Each structure stands twice: as structure tokens, then as C-alpha cells.
Amino acid sequence: MDRDDRLRQLCSDDEEMHNAFKSLGLFLEPARIKQKTEDFVAQCDAEEKVSSNSESTRHLYRILMRLALARGSPDILKKYAEKEDKFFEGKPYRPFIARTEKAIEIARKFYER
């Protein structure tokens, strides 16, 4: 079973959640990321002071969402999904905001292997 099939299976009938995961993407090997989440948050905060609308700031939002999913941090996931959500017309990250705990659980199972 490939990664997308596994993700689809874990999301079961929640197509909206599956699309949110597909839109964001997941880290292949999150254990290899040694930088602390707090360091990314600090970097993001500094970047936001310069411009909350820049592509580099939004890139950090997406990194933080991936880290939150990989490390099981619902507060971080929700915070940065809400920030990133402001920039997308289609609102692909709404499931992460509305069903944060479910997203964290799906990611945990995805990384279990």
C-alpha cells in the first residue's frame, strides 16, 4: 500500500480531511528533524514581524503544521492552520482547525507503521 492509500484508509470516509493532508503533505521521516518546534515558532514569529503575508512566513506555517502532526501538538497545528487558512480561498486546512484531535490521531497512526 502506498502512502496516499494508507492516508486515505486512515481518513476513512472523511474526504475533506484526506484532502487537507494531501494539500499539506507529511514529512517522510520526521524523526530526522532535530530542530525543536519552539525554534521554528521563534523563527516564524520573527518572520511575521517583517511580513505576515510573505511566502517565507507561510512556508513556516506549513512546516509548523507538519511538525505538529508528526509530534502530536494539537495547539500548534490549530494555531498555524488558522493563520495559513487566511490565505487560501478553498480553505484546505479547515479540517485541521475543526477536527484537530482527529488530524493528530490520523498522523500518529500514519507514522506508526
Foldseek 3Di string as FASTA:
>chain_A
DDLLVLLCVLCPPVVLLSQLCVVLDADPDLVVDPDDLVVLVVVLVVVVVVPLPDPVSLVSLSVQLNNCLQVVPLVSNQVSLVSNQVVDPVSSSVCCNVPVNSSSVSSVVSVPD
